Amino acid sequence: MRPVIVRAWYLNLDRDAERRDAMEATLAAAGLAFERFPALTPETAPEEILARFRRPGVLSPGEIGCFASHLAVLGRIEGAAPGWYAVFEDDVAPTEDLAAVVRALPRLPAGVEVVRLENPPKCGSLLVAAGEGARFLRPLDIPNSSAGYLVRPEGARAIRAAAREVDIAYDQFLGAIARGRVDMVIAAPAPIRHLDLVSAIDPAGARRRGPRRRYSFAGSGPAPARLLRWIGRFGPLGFARVVLATWAMRLARVKIDREGAYVVGRGRAAA
């Protein structure tokens, strides 16, 4: 029988030996079949990927390398056999909740392509599926994060197709494409945690300065068709209830919904 998670990859620079050792220990302890992907830099990334960054200087070398590494791994997944694949950055570790999430994956609707494993919603959410001690949420606005996620081959294909002419960091991009482009949910409670490790991804002072831009890649804006597709994933009643829950959260001045107080009942897509 095929495992629910067919294979896991973790992204790791060759010079980050401490992170490599920590990741391999935690992934082995979690019982995952994993493979290290040597993280890319602007000097080692394929030209096909580098051509997607349309404005040199907007992203730091580390941000370009991170984005390029994710796209390269997704390139391996998009042509793979059906199933779920895990992608981790090298500063996280699975928690005991990961096993519950894996057991609950068969409860997800067939159309879900990506399951985010980190960063609780900062708004109201729709309960898409639940069971085995895990819940899958569709927030009104999916927060940015790329530290760890599960993806199907069709999701990998959709992400790579959307990633053209980009000038935002990958964590922002992954949050933005959930609005209509890719069917993405968040696992709760979060089944990964961050490790306190120093990264060599950017030299001191090399990080991009200035405010982050919310939508900045070709075809990314809230065009009517994408907006209607996003709303349709909630169902009319589910969308209205999530909007009301988000307003209630704002009035209560809650920053992050850690306790699930602003999760509304299942919509039409729930298992």
C-alpha atoms as a PDB file:
ATOM      1  CA  MET A   1       0.000   0.000   0.000  1.00  0.00           C
ATOM      2  CA  ARG A   2       1.326   3.449  -0.920  1.00  0.00           C
ATOM      3  CA  PRO A   3       2.026   5.741   2.055  1.00  0.00           C
ATOM      4  CA  VAL A   4      -0.276   8.758   2.395  1.00  0.00           C
ATOM      5  CA  ILE A   5       2.761  11.042   2.090  1.00  0.00           C
ATOM      6  CA  VAL A   6       4.708   9.504  -0.775  1.00  0.00           C
ATOM      7  CA  ARG A   7       7.910  11.471  -0.189  1.00  0.00           C
ATOM      8  CA  ALA A   8       9.174  14.534   1.682  1.00  0.00           C
ATOM      9  CA  TRP A   9      11.810  16.989   0.495  1.00  0.00           C
ATOM     10  CA  TYR A  10      13.644  19.521   2.609  1.00  0.00           C
ATOM     11  CA  LEU A  11      15.510  22.486   1.131  1.00  0.00           C
ATOM     12  CA  ASN A  12      19.002  23.001   2.490  1.00  0.00           C
ATOM     13  CA  LEU A  13      22.059  24.967   1.409  1.00  0.00           C
ATOM     14  CA  ASP A  14      25.245  22.926   1.204  1.00  0.00           C
ATOM     15  CA  ARG A  15      26.912  25.186   3.781  1.00  0.00           C
ATOM     16  CA  ASP A  16      24.090  24.792   6.355  1.00  0.00           C
ATOM     17  CA  ALA A  17      25.331  21.561   7.919  1.00  0.00           C
ATOM     18  CA  GLU A  18      23.735  22.202  11.323  1.00  0.00           C
ATOM     19  CA  ARG A  19      20.307  22.581   9.728  1.00  0.00           C
ATOM     20  CA  ARG A  20      20.851  19.479   7.606  1.00  0.00           C
ATOM     21  CA  ASP A  21      21.647  17.341  10.645  1.00  0.00           C
ATOM     22  CA  ALA A  22      18.651  18.685  12.587  1.00  0.00           C
ATOM     23  CA  MET A  23      16.231  18.144   9.695  1.00  0.00           C
ATOM     24  CA  GLU A  24      17.340  14.609   8.976  1.00  0.00           C
ATOM     25  CA  ALA A  25      16.999  13.657  12.630  1.00  0.00           C
ATOM     26  CA  THR A  26      13.487  15.107  12.967  1.00  0.00           C
ATOM     27  CA  LEU A  27      12.173  13.760   9.652  1.00  0.00           C
ATOM     28  CA  ALA A  28      13.548  10.299  10.381  1.00  0.00           C
ATOM     29  CA  ALA A  29      11.915  10.386  13.822  1.00  0.00           C
ATOM     30  CA  ALA A  30       8.612  11.293  12.137  1.00  0.00           C
ATOM     31  CA  GLY A  31       8.845   8.185   9.959  1.00  0.00           C
ATOM     32  CA  LEU A  32       8.845  10.101   6.663  1.00  0.00           C
ATOM     33  CA  ALA A  33      10.623   8.941   3.519  1.00  0.00           C
ATOM     34  CA  PHE A  34      12.619  12.079   2.799  1.00  0.00           C
ATOM     35  CA  GLU A  35      15.235  13.482   0.473  1.00  0.00           C
ATOM     36  CA  ARG A  36      17.462  16.519   0.785  1.00  0.00           C
ATOM     37  CA  PHE A  37      17.239  19.072  -2.023  1.00  0.00           C
ATOM     38  CA  PRO A  38      20.419  21.188  -2.315  1.00  0.00           C
ATOM     39  CA  ALA A  39      18.971  24.697  -2.128  1.00  0.00           C
ATOM     40  CA  LEU A  40      19.620  26.962  -5.091  1.00  0.00           C
ATOM     41  CA  THR A  41      21.167  30.419  -5.254  1.00  0.00           C
ATOM     42  CA  PRO A  42      20.960  33.027  -8.037  1.00  0.00           C
ATOM     43  CA  GLU A  43      24.268  31.590  -9.267  1.00  0.00           C
ATOM     44  CA  THR A  44      23.080  27.964  -9.414  1.00  0.00           C
ATOM     45  CA  ALA A  45      19.382  28.301 -10.321  1.00  0.00           C
ATOM     46  CA  PRO A  46      18.368  27.243 -13.858  1.00  0.00           C
ATOM     47  CA  GLU A  47      17.828  30.077 -16.317  1.00  0.00           C
ATOM     48  CA  GLU A  48      14.224  28.943 -16.851  1.00  0.00           C
ATOM     49  CA  ILE A  49      13.520  29.777 -13.207  1.00  0.00           C
ATOM     50  CA  LEU A  50      15.632  32.937 -12.997  1.00  0.00           C
ATOM     51  CA  ALA A  51      13.730  34.358 -15.989  1.00  0.00           C
ATOM     52  CA  ARG A  52      10.577  34.449 -13.824  1.00  0.00           C
ATOM     53  CA  PHE A  53      11.956  37.257 -11.615  1.00  0.00           C
ATOM     54  CA  ARG A  54      11.124  40.298 -13.682  1.00  0.00           C
ATOM     55  CA  ARG A  55      12.707  43.126 -11.658  1.00  0.00           C
ATOM     56  CA  PRO A  56      16.303  42.575 -10.517  1.00  0.00           C
ATOM     57  CA  GLY A  57      17.045  44.098  -7.127  1.00  0.00           C
ATOM     58  CA  VAL A  58      13.515  43.826  -5.685  1.00  0.00           C
ATOM     59  CA  LEU A  59      14.202  40.474  -4.025  1.00  0.00           C
ATOM     60  CA  SER A  60      17.374  39.668  -2.103  1.00  0.00           C
ATOM     61  CA  PRO A  61      19.647  36.870  -3.345  1.00  0.00           C
ATOM     62  CA  GLY A  62      18.353  34.672  -0.528  1.00  0.00           C
ATOM     63  CA  GLU A  63      14.716  35.306  -1.444  1.00  0.00           C
ATOM     64  CA  ILE A  64      15.424  34.453  -5.075  1.00  0.00           C
ATOM     65  CA  GLY A  65      17.256  31.294  -4.032  1.00  0.00           C
ATOM     66  CA  CYS A  66      14.409  30.251  -1.739  1.00  0.00           C
ATOM     67  CA  PHE A  67      11.763  30.825  -4.418  1.00  0.00           C
ATOM     68  CA  ALA A  68      13.847  29.055  -7.050  1.00  0.00           C
ATOM     69  CA  SER A  69      14.414  26.057  -4.750  1.00  0.00           C
ATOM     70  CA  HIS A  70      10.692  25.599  -4.133  1.00  0.00           C
ATOM     71  CA  LEU A  71       9.943  25.813  -7.853  1.00  0.00           C
ATOM     72  CA  ALA A  72      12.635  23.256  -8.642  1.00  0.00           C
ATOM     73  CA  VAL A  73      11.285  20.760  -6.107  1.00  0.00           C
ATOM     74  CA  LEU A  74       7.742  21.319  -7.362  1.00  0.00           C
ATOM     75  CA  GLY A  75       9.047  20.550 -10.830  1.00  0.00           C
ATOM     76  CA  ARG A  76       9.898  17.061  -9.579  1.00  0.00           C
ATOM     77  CA  ILE A  77       6.516  16.632  -7.935  1.00  0.00           C
ATOM     78  CA  GLU A  78       4.327  17.834 -10.830  1.00  0.00           C
ATOM     79  CA  GLY A  79       5.177  14.787 -12.920  1.00  0.00           C
ATOM     80  CA  ALA A  80       5.140  12.280 -10.072  1.00  0.00           C
ATOM     81  CA  ALA A  81       2.575   9.610  -9.270  1.00  0.00           C
ATOM     82  CA  PRO A  82      -0.696  10.731  -7.625  1.00  0.00           C
ATOM     83  CA  GLY A  83      -0.519  11.294  -3.890  1.00  0.00           C
ATOM     84  CA  TRP A  84       0.639  13.806  -1.308  1.00  0.00           C
ATOM     85  CA  TYR A  85       4.216  15.112  -1.180  1.00  0.00           C
ATOM     86  CA  ALA A  86       5.762  17.207   1.584  1.00  0.00           C
ATOM     87  CA  VAL A  87       8.056  20.217   1.128  1.00  0.00           C
ATOM     88  CA  PHE A  88       9.905  21.657   4.131  1.00  0.00           C
ATOM     89  CA  GLU A  89      12.327  24.494   4.600  1.00  0.00           C
ATOM     90  CA  ASP A  90      15.225  23.498   6.822  1.00  0.00           C
ATOM     91  CA  ASP A  91      14.243  25.292  10.020  1.00  0.00           C
ATOM     92  CA  VAL A  92      11.168  23.295  11.036  1.00  0.00           C
ATOM     93  CA  ALA A  93      10.398  20.023  12.772  1.00  0.00           C
ATOM     94  CA  PRO A  94       7.221  17.910  12.666  1.00  0.00           C
ATOM     95  CA  THR A  95       5.230  17.720  15.890  1.00  0.00           C
ATOM     96  CA  GLU A  96       3.105  14.867  17.176  1.00  0.00           C
ATOM     97  CA  ASP A  97       0.148  16.495  15.402  1.00  0.00           C
ATOM     98  CA  LEU A  98       1.582  15.593  11.987  1.00  0.00           C
ATOM     99  CA  ALA A  99       0.480  11.980  12.344  1.00  0.00           C
ATOM    100  CA  ALA A 100      -3.103  13.138  12.964  1.00  0.00           C
ATOM    101  CA  VAL A 101      -2.988  15.367   9.876  1.00  0.00           C
ATOM    102  CA  VAL A 102      -1.699  12.499   7.739  1.00  0.00           C
ATOM    103  CA  ARG A 103      -4.447  10.166   8.969  1.00  0.00           C
ATOM    104  CA  ALA A 104      -7.069  12.813   8.188  1.00  0.00           C
ATOM    105  CA  LEU A 105      -5.881  13.602   4.635  1.00  0.00           C
ATOM    106  CA  PRO A 106      -8.311  11.113   3.016  1.00  0.00           C
ATOM    107  CA  ARG A 107     -11.177  13.197   4.452  1.00  0.00           C
ATOM    108  CA  LEU A 108     -10.249  16.199   2.285  1.00  0.00           C
ATOM    109  CA  PRO A 109     -12.352  17.066  -0.774  1.00  0.00           C
ATOM    110  CA  ALA A 110     -10.781  15.826  -3.990  1.00  0.00           C
ATOM    111  CA  GLY A 111     -10.126  19.348  -5.283  1.00  0.00           C
ATOM    112  CA  VAL A 112      -7.786  20.456  -2.484  1.00  0.00           C
ATOM    113  CA  GLU A 113      -4.268  20.717  -3.940  1.00  0.00           C
ATOM    114  CA  VAL A 114      -2.162  22.139  -1.094  1.00  0.00           C
ATOM    115  CA  VAL A 115      -2.271  21.779   2.697  1.00  0.00           C
ATOM    116  CA  ARG A 116      -0.308  24.413   4.585  1.00  0.00           C
ATOM    117  CA  LEU A 117       1.249  23.147   7.814  1.00  0.00           C
ATOM    118  CA  GLU A 118       2.121  26.404   9.580  1.00  0.00           C
ATOM    119  CA  ASN A 119       0.871  29.894  10.512  1.00  0.00           C
ATOM    120  CA  PRO A 120      -2.626  30.013  12.101  1.00  0.00           C
ATOM    121  CA  PRO A 121      -5.308  32.088  10.333  1.00  0.00           C
ATOM    122  CA  LYS A 122      -5.639  35.749  11.231  1.00  0.00           C
ATOM    123  CA  CYS A 123      -9.286  35.855  10.182  1.00  0.00           C
ATOM    124  CA  GLY A 124     -12.434  33.761  10.169  1.00  0.00           C
ATOM    125  CA  SER A 125     -12.204  30.307   8.591  1.00  0.00           C
ATOM    126  CA  LEU A 126     -14.464  27.623   7.168  1.00  0.00           C
ATOM    127  CA  LEU A 127     -14.050  24.078   8.467  1.00  0.00           C
ATOM    128  CA  VAL A 128     -13.489  22.019   5.313  1.00  0.00           C
ATOM    129  CA  ALA A 129     -12.844  18.631   6.922  1.00  0.00           C
ATOM    130  CA  ALA A 130     -12.073  17.214  10.352  1.00  0.00           C
ATOM    131  CA  GLY A 131     -11.240  13.924  12.001  1.00  0.00           C
ATOM    132  CA  GLU A 132      -8.452  11.895  13.553  1.00  0.00           C
ATOM    133  CA  GLY A 133      -7.591  14.849  15.804  1.00  0.00           C
ATOM    134  CA  ALA A 134      -6.942  17.276  12.938  1.00  0.00           C
ATOM    135  CA  ARG A 135      -8.916  20.005  11.194  1.00  0.00           C
ATOM    136  CA  PHE A 136      -8.518  21.576   7.759  1.00  0.00           C
ATOM    137  CA  LEU A 137      -9.466  25.241   7.503  1.00  0.00           C
ATOM    138  CA  ARG A 138     -10.179  27.571   4.592  1.00  0.00           C
ATOM    139  CA  PRO A 139      -9.496  31.090   5.915  1.00  0.00           C
ATOM    140  CA  LEU A 140     -10.964  34.206   4.363  1.00  0.00           C
ATOM    141  CA  ASP A 141      -7.370  35.309   3.778  1.00  0.00           C
ATOM    142  CA  ILE A 142      -4.628  32.664   3.883  1.00  0.00           C
ATOM    143  CA  PRO A 143      -1.575  34.054   5.715  1.00  0.00           C
ATOM    144  CA  ASN A 144       1.897  33.992   4.194  1.00  0.00           C
ATOM    145  CA  SER A 145       4.131  31.000   4.916  1.00  0.00           C
ATOM    146  CA  SER A 146       6.257  28.533   3.001  1.00  0.00           C
ATOM    147  CA  ALA A 147       7.953  26.731   5.902  1.00  0.00           C
ATOM    148  CA  GLY A 148       6.109  23.479   5.277  1.00  0.00           C
ATOM    149  CA  TYR A 149       3.248  22.233   3.121  1.00  0.00           C
ATOM    150  CA  LEU A 150       1.774  19.147   1.507  1.00  0.00           C
ATOM    151  CA  VAL A 151       1.088  19.269  -2.209  1.00  0.00           C
ATOM    152  CA  ARG A 152      -0.400  17.021  -4.871  1.00  0.00           C
ATOM    153  CA  PRO A 153       1.158  16.855  -8.366  1.00  0.00           C
ATOM    154  CA  GLU A 154      -1.677  18.959  -9.785  1.00  0.00           C
ATOM    155  CA  GLY A 155      -1.029  21.571  -7.096  1.00  0.00           C
ATOM    156  CA  ALA A 156       2.684  21.624  -7.915  1.00  0.00           C
ATOM    157  CA  ARG A 157       1.779  22.141 -11.563  1.00  0.00           C
ATOM    158  CA  ALA A 158      -0.602  24.999 -10.727  1.00  0.00           C
ATOM    159  CA  ILE A 159       1.928  26.772  -8.499  1.00  0.00           C
ATOM    160  CA  ARG A 160       4.638  26.617 -11.137  1.00  0.00           C
ATOM    161  CA  ALA A 161       2.240  27.829 -13.827  1.00  0.00           C
ATOM    162  CA  ALA A 162       1.293  30.844 -11.682  1.00  0.00           C
ATOM    163  CA  ALA A 163       4.900  31.702 -10.820  1.00  0.00           C
ATOM    164  CA  ARG A 164       5.838  33.864 -13.751  1.00  0.00           C
ATOM    165  CA  GLU A 165       7.027  37.472 -13.708  1.00  0.00           C
ATOM    166  CA  VAL A 166       7.180  37.507  -9.913  1.00  0.00           C
ATOM    167  CA  ASP A 167       8.742  40.069  -7.606  1.00  0.00           C
ATOM    168  CA  ILE A 168       7.469  38.989  -4.200  1.00  0.00           C
ATOM    169  CA  ALA A 169       8.966  36.451  -1.803  1.00  0.00           C
ATOM    170  CA  TYR A 170       7.761  32.860  -2.007  1.00  0.00           C
ATOM    171  CA  ASP A 171       5.921  32.934   1.338  1.00  0.00           C
ATOM    172  CA  GLN A 172       3.872  35.903   0.095  1.00  0.00           C
ATOM    173  CA  PHE A 173       3.309  34.251  -3.260  1.00  0.00           C
ATOM    174  CA  LEU A 174       2.043  31.033  -1.684  1.00  0.00           C
ATOM    175  CA  GLY A 175      -0.508  33.003   0.322  1.00  0.00           C
ATOM    176  CA  ALA A 176      -1.616  35.095  -2.662  1.00  0.00           C
ATOM    177  CA  ILE A 177      -2.250  32.245  -5.103  1.00  0.00           C
ATOM    178  CA  ALA A 178      -4.717  30.634  -2.700  1.00  0.00           C
ATOM    179  CA  ARG A 179      -7.207  33.331  -3.682  1.00  0.00           C
ATOM    180  CA  GLY A 180      -8.631  31.641  -6.740  1.00  0.00           C
ATOM    181  CA  ARG A 181      -5.511  30.149  -8.315  1.00  0.00           C
ATOM    182  CA  VAL A 182      -4.792  27.091  -6.132  1.00  0.00           C
ATOM    183  CA  ASP A 183      -7.151  25.264  -3.767  1.00  0.00           C
ATOM    184  CA  MET A 184      -5.269  25.532  -0.466  1.00  0.00           C
ATOM    185  CA  VAL A 185      -6.258  24.834   3.141  1.00  0.00           C
ATOM    186  CA  ILE A 186      -4.472  25.088   6.500  1.00  0.00           C
ATOM    187  CA  ALA A 187      -4.002  22.199   8.920  1.00  0.00           C
ATOM    188  CA  ALA A 188      -4.834  22.838  12.568  1.00  0.00           C
ATOM    189  CA  PRO A 189      -3.313  22.512  15.034  1.00  0.00           C
ATOM    190  CA  ALA A 190      -0.113  23.353  13.177  1.00  0.00           C
ATOM    191  CA  PRO A 191       1.832  20.086  12.799  1.00  0.00           C
ATOM    192  CA  ILE A 192       5.281  21.689  12.468  1.00  0.00           C
ATOM    193  CA  ARG A 193       7.311  24.005  14.693  1.00  0.00           C
ATOM    194  CA  HIS A 194      10.252  26.279  13.971  1.00  0.00           C
ATOM    195  CA  LEU A 195      13.766  25.348  15.058  1.00  0.00           C
ATOM    196  CA  ASP A 196      16.080  27.962  16.562  1.00  0.00           C
ATOM    197  CA  LEU A 197      18.826  27.695  13.957  1.00  0.00           C
ATOM    198  CA  VAL A 198      20.944  30.328  12.219  1.00  0.00           C
ATOM    199  CA  SER A 199      20.511  30.533   8.451  1.00  0.00           C
ATOM    200  CA  ALA A 200      23.198  31.215   5.874  1.00  0.00           C
ATOM    201  CA  ILE A 201      20.660  32.073   3.176  1.00  0.00           C
ATOM    202  CA  ASP A 202      21.436  35.827   3.123  1.00  0.00           C
ATOM    203  CA  PRO A 203      24.598  37.624   4.175  1.00  0.00           C
ATOM    204  CA  ALA A 204      24.165  40.435   6.695  1.00  0.00           C
ATOM    205  CA  GLY A 205      22.451  43.455   5.181  1.00  0.00           C
ATOM    206  CA  ALA A 206      21.387  41.660   1.994  1.00  0.00           C
ATOM    207  CA  ARG A 207      17.687  41.405   2.771  1.00  0.00           C
ATOM    208  CA  ARG A 208      15.294  43.466   0.711  1.00  0.00           C
ATOM    209  CA  ARG A 209      14.202  46.746   2.234  1.00  0.00           C
ATOM    210  CA  GLY A 210      10.851  48.503   2.115  1.00  0.00           C
ATOM    211  CA  PRO A 211       7.234  47.379   2.437  1.00  0.00           C
ATOM    212  CA  ARG A 212       6.054  44.056   1.078  1.00  0.00           C
ATOM    213  CA  ARG A 213       3.678  44.112  -1.863  1.00  0.00           C
ATOM    214  CA  ARG A 214       0.591  41.972  -1.607  1.00  0.00           C
ATOM    215  CA  TYR A 215      -0.046  41.049  -5.232  1.00  0.00           C
ATOM    216  CA  SER A 216       2.845  41.185  -7.625  1.00  0.00           C
ATOM    217  CA  PHE A 217       3.031  38.495 -10.250  1.00  0.00           C
ATOM    218  CA  ALA A 218       1.497  38.139 -13.685  1.00  0.00           C
ATOM    219  CA  GLY A 219      -2.257  37.616 -13.521  1.00  0.00           C
ATOM    220  CA  SER A 220      -2.310  37.725  -9.717  1.00  0.00           C
ATOM    221  CA  GLY A 221      -4.813  40.485  -9.050  1.00  0.00           C
ATOM    222  CA  PRO A 222      -8.390  39.859  -7.885  1.00  0.00           C
ATOM    223  CA  ALA A 223      -9.966  39.604 -11.337  1.00  0.00           C
ATOM    224  CA  PRO A 224     -13.712  38.822 -11.241  1.00  0.00           C
ATOM    225  CA  ALA A 225     -13.327  35.218 -12.397  1.00  0.00           C
ATOM    226  CA  ARG A 226     -10.707  34.438  -9.743  1.00  0.00           C
ATOM    227  CA  LEU A 227     -12.667  36.241  -7.057  1.00  0.00           C
ATOM    228  CA  LEU A 228     -15.849  34.327  -7.908  1.00  0.00           C
ATOM    229  CA  ARG A 229     -13.930  31.039  -7.908  1.00  0.00           C
ATOM    230  CA  TRP A 230     -12.516  31.891  -4.464  1.00  0.00           C
ATOM    231  CA  ILE A 231     -15.945  32.743  -3.065  1.00  0.00           C
ATOM    232  CA  GLY A 232     -17.383  29.620  -4.676  1.00  0.00           C
ATOM    233  CA  ARG A 233     -15.036  27.426  -2.678  1.00  0.00           C
ATOM    234  CA  PHE A 234     -16.786  28.545   0.492  1.00  0.00           C
ATOM    235  CA  GLY A 235     -20.304  28.283  -0.880  1.00  0.00           C
ATOM    236  CA  PRO A 236     -22.548  31.379  -0.538  1.00  0.00           C
ATOM    237  CA  LEU A 237     -23.611  30.663   3.048  1.00  0.00           C
ATOM    238  CA  GLY A 238     -20.128  29.601   4.122  1.00  0.00           C
ATOM    239  CA  PHE A 239     -18.588  32.758   2.664  1.00  0.00           C
ATOM    240  CA  ALA A 240     -21.101  34.993   4.464  1.00  0.00           C
ATOM    241  CA  ARG A 241     -20.447  33.216   7.751  1.00  0.00           C
ATOM    242  CA  VAL A 242     -16.671  33.492   7.374  1.00  0.00           C
ATOM    243  CA  VAL A 243     -16.940  37.233   6.652  1.00  0.00           C
ATOM    244  CA  LEU A 244     -19.053  37.708   9.787  1.00  0.00           C
ATOM    245  CA  ALA A 245     -16.578  35.655  11.841  1.00  0.00           C
ATOM    246  CA  THR A 246     -13.731  37.824  10.541  1.00  0.00           C
ATOM    247  CA  TRP A 247     -15.555  41.004  11.547  1.00  0.00           C
ATOM    248  CA  ALA A 248     -16.177  39.544  15.003  1.00  0.00           C
ATOM    249  CA  MET A 249     -12.487  38.715  15.284  1.00  0.00           C
ATOM    250  CA  ARG A 250     -11.500  42.249  14.330  1.00  0.00           C
ATOM    251  CA  LEU A 251     -13.967  43.772  16.825  1.00  0.00           C
ATOM    252  CA  ALA A 252     -12.504  41.547  19.529  1.00  0.00           C
ATOM    253  CA  ARG A 253      -9.014  42.698  18.457  1.00  0.00           C
ATOM    254  CA  VAL A 254      -7.815  39.128  18.114  1.00  0.00           C
ATOM    255  CA  LYS A 255      -4.630  38.930  16.042  1.00  0.00           C
ATOM    256  CA  ILE A 256      -4.417  35.166  15.455  1.00  0.00           C
ATOM    257  CA  ASP A 257      -7.169  32.575  15.876  1.00  0.00           C
ATOM    258  CA  ARG A 258      -5.140  30.048  17.868  1.00  0.00           C
ATOM    259  CA  GLU A 259      -8.101  28.421  19.638  1.00  0.00           C
ATOM    260  CA  GLY A 260     -10.425  27.970  16.662  1.00  0.00           C
ATOM    261  CA  ALA A 261     -13.003  30.358  18.104  1.00  0.00           C
ATOM    262  CA  TYR A 262     -13.632  31.957  14.708  1.00  0.00           C
ATOM    263  CA  VAL A 263     -14.021  28.761  12.686  1.00  0.00           C
ATOM    264  CA  VAL A 264     -17.525  28.382  11.296  1.00  0.00           C
ATOM    265  CA  GLY A 265     -19.331  25.122  10.503  1.00  0.00           C
ATOM    266  CA  ARG A 266     -18.710  23.061   7.460  1.00  0.00           C
ATOM    267  CA  GLY A 267     -19.578  24.403   4.042  1.00  0.00           C
ATOM    268  CA  ARG A 268     -20.656  22.457   0.999  1.00  0.00           C
ATOM    269  CA  ALA A 269     -17.092  21.303   0.308  1.00  0.00           C
ATOM    270  CA  ALA A 270     -16.607  19.669   3.708  1.00  0.00           C
ATOM    271  CA  ALA A 271     -16.080  15.968   3.942  1.00  0.00           C
END
